[in-house]
Amino acid sequence: MNLINEIEKTIQEHIPDALILVHNINNDGEHFEAIVISESFNDLGLLKQHQAVMKPLKVAFDSNVHALALKTFSLKKWNETKQNHAIIEQKIKEKYQ
């Protein structure tokens, strides 16, 4: 299993309802970006959302992932702003529909 799949799997295990996109932003195997959309984030501030994603990843990948850029959206926020993120919306549709 490659590292992108492992990151996605780890997030999915801890946030089962999440829609997740992970990519290696520099194609170097060390710098990643994760986009996580979850209904469980609806009542959480941005800091708590990021903590919910980062805590399990830190345990699983303490030495493997050099950098992870993180974008999180509550499902409510995503539905309100997805028109501003057309590329992400298209990738989510391709992956989950």
C-alpha atoms as a PDB file:
ATOM      1  CA  MET A   1       0.000   0.000   0.000  1.00  0.00           C
ATOM      2  CA  ASN A   2       1.401   3.388  -0.885  1.00  0.00           C
ATOM      3  CA  LEU A   3       1.645   6.247   1.585  1.00  0.00           C
ATOM      4  CA  ILE A   4      -1.283   8.202   0.099  1.00  0.00           C
ATOM      5  CA  ASN A   5      -3.561   5.190   0.583  1.00  0.00           C
ATOM      6  CA  GLU A   6      -2.242   4.674   4.108  1.00  0.00           C
ATOM      7  CA  ILE A   7      -2.948   8.318   5.018  1.00  0.00           C
ATOM      8  CA  GLU A   8      -6.465   8.070   3.588  1.00  0.00           C
ATOM      9  CA  LYS A   9      -7.099   4.778   5.388  1.00  0.00           C
ATOM     10  CA  THR A  10      -5.916   6.184   8.719  1.00  0.00           C
ATOM     11  CA  ILE A  11      -8.178   9.226   8.395  1.00  0.00           C
ATOM     12  CA  GLN A  12     -11.131   7.055   7.311  1.00  0.00           C
ATOM     13  CA  GLU A  13     -10.688   4.757  10.314  1.00  0.00           C
ATOM     14  CA  HIS A  14     -10.934   7.713  12.702  1.00  0.00           C
ATOM     15  CA  ILE A  15     -13.531   9.763  10.784  1.00  0.00           C
ATOM     16  CA  PRO A  16     -15.693   7.120   9.067  1.00  0.00           C
ATOM     17  CA  ASP A  17     -18.078   9.539   7.351  1.00  0.00           C
ATOM     18  CA  ALA A  18     -15.279  11.622   5.821  1.00  0.00           C
ATOM     19  CA  LEU A  19     -14.759  12.374   2.163  1.00  0.00           C
ATOM     20  CA  ILE A  20     -10.987  12.400   1.758  1.00  0.00           C
ATOM     21  CA  LEU A  21      -8.565  13.458  -0.952  1.00  0.00           C
ATOM     22  CA  VAL A  22      -4.833  13.116  -0.405  1.00  0.00           C
ATOM     23  CA  HIS A  23      -2.132  13.915  -2.915  1.00  0.00           C
ATOM     24  CA  ASN A  24       1.624  14.261  -2.946  1.00  0.00           C
ATOM     25  CA  ILE A  25       1.997  17.940  -3.784  1.00  0.00           C
ATOM     26  CA  ASN A  26       5.662  17.799  -4.842  1.00  0.00           C
ATOM     27  CA  ASN A  27       5.793  14.185  -6.068  1.00  0.00           C
ATOM     28  CA  ASP A  28       8.553  13.591  -3.553  1.00  0.00           C
ATOM     29  CA  GLY A  29       6.880  11.111  -1.204  1.00  0.00           C
ATOM     30  CA  GLU A  30       7.217  13.519   1.736  1.00  0.00           C
ATOM     31  CA  HIS A  31       4.957  16.536   1.154  1.00  0.00           C
ATOM     32  CA  PHE A  32       1.220  15.853   1.090  1.00  0.00           C
ATOM     33  CA  GLU A  33      -2.055  17.708   1.105  1.00  0.00           C
ATOM     34  CA  ALA A  34      -5.190  16.219   2.633  1.00  0.00           C
ATOM     35  CA  ILE A  35      -8.675  17.559   2.109  1.00  0.00           C
ATOM     36  CA  VAL A  36     -11.189  16.173   4.587  1.00  0.00           C
ATOM     37  CA  ILE A  37     -14.914  16.866   4.531  1.00  0.00           C
ATOM     38  CA  SER A  38     -17.033  15.470   7.347  1.00  0.00           C
ATOM     39  CA  GLU A  39     -20.429  15.947   8.916  1.00  0.00           C
ATOM     40  CA  SER A  40     -18.758  15.240  12.258  1.00  0.00           C
ATOM     41  CA  PHE A  41     -16.982  18.602  11.842  1.00  0.00           C
ATOM     42  CA  ASN A  42     -20.289  20.542  11.744  1.00  0.00           C
ATOM     43  CA  ASP A  43     -20.059  21.721  15.352  1.00  0.00           C
ATOM     44  CA  LEU A  44     -16.256  21.942  15.554  1.00  0.00           C
ATOM     45  CA  GLY A  45     -14.024  24.929  14.970  1.00  0.00           C
ATOM     46  CA  LEU A  46     -11.192  24.700  12.470  1.00  0.00           C
ATOM     47  CA  LEU A  47      -8.571  23.923  15.126  1.00  0.00           C
ATOM     48  CA  LYS A  48     -10.591  20.986  16.496  1.00  0.00           C
ATOM     49  CA  GLN A  49     -11.174  19.712  12.958  1.00  0.00           C
ATOM     50  CA  HIS A  50      -7.449  19.744  12.251  1.00  0.00           C
ATOM     51  CA  GLN A  51      -6.700  18.062  15.581  1.00  0.00           C
ATOM     52  CA  ALA A  52      -9.201  15.302  14.777  1.00  0.00           C
ATOM     53  CA  VAL A  53      -7.297  14.557  11.573  1.00  0.00           C
ATOM     54  CA  MET A  54      -3.728  15.138  12.752  1.00  0.00           C
ATOM     55  CA  LYS A  55      -3.757  13.203  16.023  1.00  0.00           C
ATOM     56  CA  PRO A  56      -4.171   9.733  14.462  1.00  0.00           C
ATOM     57  CA  LEU A  57      -1.821  10.636  11.614  1.00  0.00           C
ATOM     58  CA  LYS A  58       0.906  11.751  13.994  1.00  0.00           C
ATOM     59  CA  VAL A  59       0.790   8.378  15.735  1.00  0.00           C
ATOM     60  CA  ALA A  60       0.747   6.401  12.484  1.00  0.00           C
ATOM     61  CA  PHE A  61       3.253   8.439  10.469  1.00  0.00           C
ATOM     62  CA  ASP A  62       5.531  10.180  12.915  1.00  0.00           C
ATOM     63  CA  SER A  63       8.610   9.452  10.837  1.00  0.00           C
ATOM     64  CA  ASN A  64       7.197   8.928   7.327  1.00  0.00           C
ATOM     65  CA  VAL A  65       5.426  12.168   6.485  1.00  0.00           C
ATOM     66  CA  HIS A  66       7.612  15.262   6.387  1.00  0.00           C
ATOM     67  CA  ALA A  67       4.807  17.754   5.756  1.00  0.00           C
ATOM     68  CA  LEU A  68       1.048  17.616   5.488  1.00  0.00           C
ATOM     69  CA  ALA A  69      -1.035  20.583   4.385  1.00  0.00           C
ATOM     70  CA  LEU A  70      -4.547  20.175   5.664  1.00  0.00           C
ATOM     71  CA  LYS A  71      -7.857  21.603   4.500  1.00  0.00           C
ATOM     72  CA  THR A  72     -10.935  20.589   6.449  1.00  0.00           C
ATOM     73  CA  PHE A  73     -14.560  21.410   5.881  1.00  0.00           C
ATOM     74  CA  SER A  74     -17.646  20.596   7.866  1.00  0.00           C
ATOM     75  CA  LEU A  75     -20.284  19.152   5.568  1.00  0.00           C
ATOM     76  CA  LYS A  76     -22.355  22.281   6.174  1.00  0.00           C
ATOM     77  CA  LYS A  77     -19.434  24.582   5.243  1.00  0.00           C
ATOM     78  CA  TRP A  78     -18.577  22.434   2.221  1.00  0.00           C
ATOM     79  CA  ASN A  79     -22.115  22.657   0.886  1.00  0.00           C
ATOM     80  CA  GLU A  80     -22.040  26.434   1.337  1.00  0.00           C
ATOM     81  CA  THR A  81     -18.647  26.967  -0.356  1.00  0.00           C
ATOM     82  CA  LYS A  82     -18.035  24.098  -2.771  1.00  0.00           C
ATOM     83  CA  GLN A  83     -18.748  26.332  -5.762  1.00  0.00           C
ATOM     84  CA  ASN A  84     -15.521  28.156  -4.814  1.00  0.00           C
ATOM     85  CA  HIS A  85     -13.549  24.891  -4.986  1.00  0.00           C
ATOM     86  CA  ALA A  86     -14.490  23.496  -8.397  1.00  0.00           C
ATOM     87  CA  ILE A  87     -11.435  21.256  -8.805  1.00  0.00           C
ATOM     88  CA  ILE A  88     -11.849  19.705  -5.364  1.00  0.00           C
ATOM     89  CA  GLU A  89     -15.575  19.242  -5.967  1.00  0.00           C
ATOM     90  CA  GLN A  90     -14.885  17.461  -9.259  1.00  0.00           C
ATOM     91  CA  LYS A  91     -12.323  15.135  -7.662  1.00  0.00           C
ATOM     92  CA  ILE A  92     -14.721  14.340  -4.803  1.00  0.00           C
ATOM     93  CA  LYS A  93     -17.457  13.501  -7.320  1.00  0.00           C
ATOM     94  CA  GLU A  94     -15.085  11.276  -9.310  1.00  0.00           C
ATOM     95  CA  LYS A  95     -13.942   9.430  -6.207  1.00  0.00           C
ATOM     96  CA  TYR A  96     -17.222   9.016  -4.311  1.00  0.00           C
ATOM     97  CA  GLN A  97     -19.956   8.834  -6.940  1.00  0.00           C
END
